[in-house]
Amino acid sequence: MDLDAFQAQMARIYGERDATRGIAATVAWLAEEVGELARAVRKGTPDEQRHELGDVLAWLASLAEQLGLSLDAAAARYGEGCPLCGATPCRCR
């Protein structure tokens, strides 16, 4: 599934509820899920890590939708390599 399709799917499933919750609460949920991902990376199984990665993506898609932005367009920033130096791998840092 590509990023635009994923974002649209999350909007169909959760969009109305997430919009009612609002951007600030969505950012808070996203931050909580990033914490759960960090814990899974440190101590979890691959299945737990995959689960938490999915949750982070879902909340990120919700946030992008509420901001009226495309995850695909945001990811395109890295399509040609490092957005600062243009190299792959990055040579600027």
C-alpha atoms as a PDB file:
ATOM      1  CA  MET A   1       0.000   0.000   0.000  1.00  0.00           C
ATOM      2  CA  ASP A   2       1.431   3.400  -0.909  1.00  0.00           C
ATOM      3  CA  LEU A   3       1.380   6.339   1.489  1.00  0.00           C
ATOM      4  CA  ASP A   4      -1.517   8.188  -0.174  1.00  0.00           C
ATOM      5  CA  ALA A   5      -3.644   5.033  -0.127  1.00  0.00           C
ATOM      6  CA  PHE A   6      -2.725   4.397   3.508  1.00  0.00           C
ATOM      7  CA  GLN A   7      -3.591   7.974   4.485  1.00  0.00           C
ATOM      8  CA  ALA A   8      -6.939   7.711   2.680  1.00  0.00           C
ATOM      9  CA  GLN A   9      -7.690   4.387   4.391  1.00  0.00           C
ATOM     10  CA  MET A  10      -6.944   5.836   7.834  1.00  0.00           C
ATOM     11  CA  ALA A  11      -9.188   8.819   6.999  1.00  0.00           C
ATOM     12  CA  ARG A  12     -12.025   6.456   6.060  1.00  0.00           C
ATOM     13  CA  ILE A  13     -11.607   4.398   9.220  1.00  0.00           C
ATOM     14  CA  TYR A  14     -10.841   7.085  11.812  1.00  0.00           C
ATOM     15  CA  GLY A  15     -11.089  10.477  10.107  1.00  0.00           C
ATOM     16  CA  GLU A  16     -14.304  11.767  11.643  1.00  0.00           C
ATOM     17  CA  ARG A  17     -13.343  10.713  15.167  1.00  0.00           C
ATOM     18  CA  ASP A  18      -9.791  12.050  14.804  1.00  0.00           C
ATOM     19  CA  ALA A  19     -11.005  15.388  13.430  1.00  0.00           C
ATOM     20  CA  THR A  20     -13.353  15.739  16.397  1.00  0.00           C
ATOM     21  CA  ARG A  21     -10.450  14.933  18.741  1.00  0.00           C
ATOM     22  CA  GLY A  22      -8.375  17.649  17.065  1.00  0.00           C
ATOM     23  CA  ILE A  23      -4.783  18.275  16.100  1.00  0.00           C
ATOM     24  CA  ALA A  24      -3.369  18.797  19.601  1.00  0.00           C
ATOM     25  CA  ALA A  25      -4.790  15.503  20.856  1.00  0.00           C
ATOM     26  CA  THR A  26      -3.624  13.720  17.710  1.00  0.00           C
ATOM     27  CA  VAL A  27      -0.078  14.958  18.304  1.00  0.00           C
ATOM     28  CA  ALA A  28      -0.308  13.697  21.885  1.00  0.00           C
ATOM     29  CA  TRP A  29      -1.473  10.252  20.718  1.00  0.00           C
ATOM     30  CA  LEU A  30       1.302  10.189  18.100  1.00  0.00           C
ATOM     31  CA  ALA A  31       3.888  10.998  20.765  1.00  0.00           C
ATOM     32  CA  GLU A  32       2.514   8.235  23.002  1.00  0.00           C
ATOM     33  CA  GLU A  33       2.751   5.737  20.150  1.00  0.00           C
ATOM     34  CA  VAL A  34       6.353   6.777  19.425  1.00  0.00           C
ATOM     35  CA  GLY A  35       7.105   6.010  23.082  1.00  0.00           C
ATOM     36  CA  GLU A  36       5.486   2.598  22.735  1.00  0.00           C
ATOM     37  CA  LEU A  37       7.550   1.988  19.600  1.00  0.00           C
ATOM     38  CA  ALA A  38      10.726   2.920  21.471  1.00  0.00           C
ATOM     39  CA  ARG A  39       9.858   0.436  24.208  1.00  0.00           C
ATOM     40  CA  ALA A  40       9.129  -2.282  21.622  1.00  0.00           C
ATOM     41  CA  VAL A  41      12.446  -1.625  19.891  1.00  0.00           C
ATOM     42  CA  ARG A  42      14.297  -1.995  23.187  1.00  0.00           C
ATOM     43  CA  LYS A  43      12.425  -4.942  24.666  1.00  0.00           C
ATOM     44  CA  GLY A  44       9.839  -6.216  22.217  1.00  0.00           C
ATOM     45  CA  THR A  45       9.526  -8.956  19.661  1.00  0.00           C
ATOM     46  CA  PRO A  46       9.519  -8.285  15.917  1.00  0.00           C
ATOM     47  CA  ASP A  47       5.711  -8.690  15.961  1.00  0.00           C
ATOM     48  CA  GLU A  48       5.400  -6.063  18.722  1.00  0.00           C
ATOM     49  CA  GLN A  49       7.747  -3.736  16.844  1.00  0.00           C
ATOM     50  CA  ARG A  50       5.707  -4.154  13.635  1.00  0.00           C
ATOM     51  CA  HIS A  51       2.502  -3.466  15.572  1.00  0.00           C
ATOM     52  CA  GLU A  52       3.886  -0.246  17.054  1.00  0.00           C
ATOM     53  CA  LEU A  53       5.319   0.896  13.702  1.00  0.00           C
ATOM     54  CA  GLY A  54       1.828   0.501  12.248  1.00  0.00           C
ATOM     55  CA  ASP A  55       0.310   2.525  15.077  1.00  0.00           C
ATOM     56  CA  VAL A  56       2.849   5.332  14.577  1.00  0.00           C
ATOM     57  CA  LEU A  57       2.086   5.379  10.845  1.00  0.00           C
ATOM     58  CA  ALA A  58      -1.651   5.471  11.517  1.00  0.00           C
ATOM     59  CA  TRP A  59      -1.380   8.450  13.866  1.00  0.00           C
ATOM     60  CA  LEU A  60       1.015  10.214  11.498  1.00  0.00           C
ATOM     61  CA  ALA A  61      -1.482   9.706   8.668  1.00  0.00           C
ATOM     62  CA  SER A  62      -4.255  11.116  10.862  1.00  0.00           C
ATOM     63  CA  LEU A  63      -2.174  14.174  11.644  1.00  0.00           C
ATOM     64  CA  ALA A  64      -1.294  14.719   7.976  1.00  0.00           C
ATOM     65  CA  GLU A  65      -4.968  14.439   7.033  1.00  0.00           C
ATOM     66  CA  GLN A  66      -6.020  16.970   9.676  1.00  0.00           C
ATOM     67  CA  LEU A  67      -3.298  19.362   8.476  1.00  0.00           C
ATOM     68  CA  GLY A  68      -4.446  18.939   4.876  1.00  0.00           C
ATOM     69  CA  LEU A  69      -1.051  17.536   3.868  1.00  0.00           C
ATOM     70  CA  SER A  70      -0.012  14.432   1.951  1.00  0.00           C
ATOM     71  CA  LEU A  71       2.329  11.889   3.536  1.00  0.00           C
ATOM     72  CA  ASP A  72       3.418  10.962   0.026  1.00  0.00           C
ATOM     73  CA  ALA A  73       4.373  14.566  -0.744  1.00  0.00           C
ATOM     74  CA  ALA A  74       6.233  14.820   2.572  1.00  0.00           C
ATOM     75  CA  ALA A  75       8.174  11.621   1.826  1.00  0.00           C
ATOM     76  CA  ALA A  76       9.028  12.907  -1.656  1.00  0.00           C
ATOM     77  CA  ARG A  77      11.391  15.382   0.013  1.00  0.00           C
ATOM     78  CA  TYR A  78      13.808  12.454   0.356  1.00  0.00           C
ATOM     79  CA  GLY A  79      13.156  10.957  -3.086  1.00  0.00           C
ATOM     80  CA  GLU A  80      16.399  12.174  -4.628  1.00  0.00           C
ATOM     81  CA  GLY A  81      18.583  11.596  -1.567  1.00  0.00           C
ATOM     82  CA  CYS A  82      19.477  13.870   1.317  1.00  0.00           C
ATOM     83  CA  PRO A  83      17.396  17.047   1.018  1.00  0.00           C
ATOM     84  CA  LEU A  84      20.404  19.137   2.114  1.00  0.00           C
ATOM     85  CA  CYS A  85      23.311  17.775   0.080  1.00  0.00           C
ATOM     86  CA  GLY A  86      21.429  15.649  -2.467  1.00  0.00           C
ATOM     87  CA  ALA A  87      23.719  12.668  -1.921  1.00  0.00           C
ATOM     88  CA  THR A  88      22.878   9.045  -1.195  1.00  0.00           C
ATOM     89  CA  PRO A  89      24.213   8.263   1.323  1.00  0.00           C
ATOM     90  CA  CYS A  90      24.234  11.703   2.892  1.00  0.00           C
ATOM     91  CA  ARG A  91      27.623  13.413   2.955  1.00  0.00           C
ATOM     92  CA  CYS A  92      26.745  16.598   4.837  1.00  0.00           C
ATOM     93  CA  ARG A  93      26.649  15.264   8.390  1.00  0.00           C
END
